[in-house]
Amino acid sequence: RALTREIRTAKARTTGILGVNIMAALTDFSELVKTAIKENIDIIFAGAGLPLDLPKYVNESIQTKLVPIISSARAATLLCKKWLAKFDYLPDAFVVEGPLAGGHLGFKPQQIDDPNFALEKIVPEVIEAVKPYEQEKNQRIPIIAAGGIYTGKDICTFMRMGAAGVQMGTRFVATHECDADMAFK
């Protein structure tokens, strides 16, 4: 009910594209996905685990896009292989989060500043990893870079690497639109 209410509230306030982030690790993941699709959400972002069966909830009549949140080329490859084999479906995009992104990504504290785990290293690896699947299905899989992106220069860096876009969060916590507690802001 809460997800239905939030989606309807958001739809009443905009005509733009709306997405929800549903954690694959939740026990009610399936019900939340079904609710989001029933409410005609535009995009489901799925992280906190690999959403291996996410495409089973959509069919040709459903317009909802499926975008896993990943942190490695290995995860991108695994999802592409599984989704193609089981559902003949490729992710509509990937959000690639590095160790500076918020959330539970599985990076160890010592990896946060390790250049081997930097977003600048991970994004090109994911772009390369998805190329064979894009070619096989003649379908582009946009890569969205996330985590530690603060400035226009940062955005430009990732776009030049081949990312289709970036995800930014921290920069907007202090805005009026953000519902975080004022003490936190």
Foldseek 3Di string as FASTA:
>chain_A
DVLLVVLVVVVVVDPDAAEEEAEPPDPCSVVSLLSCQVSLHAEYEYENDQPLPSCVNDDPVGNYAYEYEAAALVSQLVSLVSCCVPPVDHHLAYEHEFPQADDCHPDDPVCNPPPCRDLLNGLLSNVVSCVVVCVVVVHDHAYEYEGPQDDPVSQVSSVVSPHPYYDDDPNCCPPPPHPDDPVVD
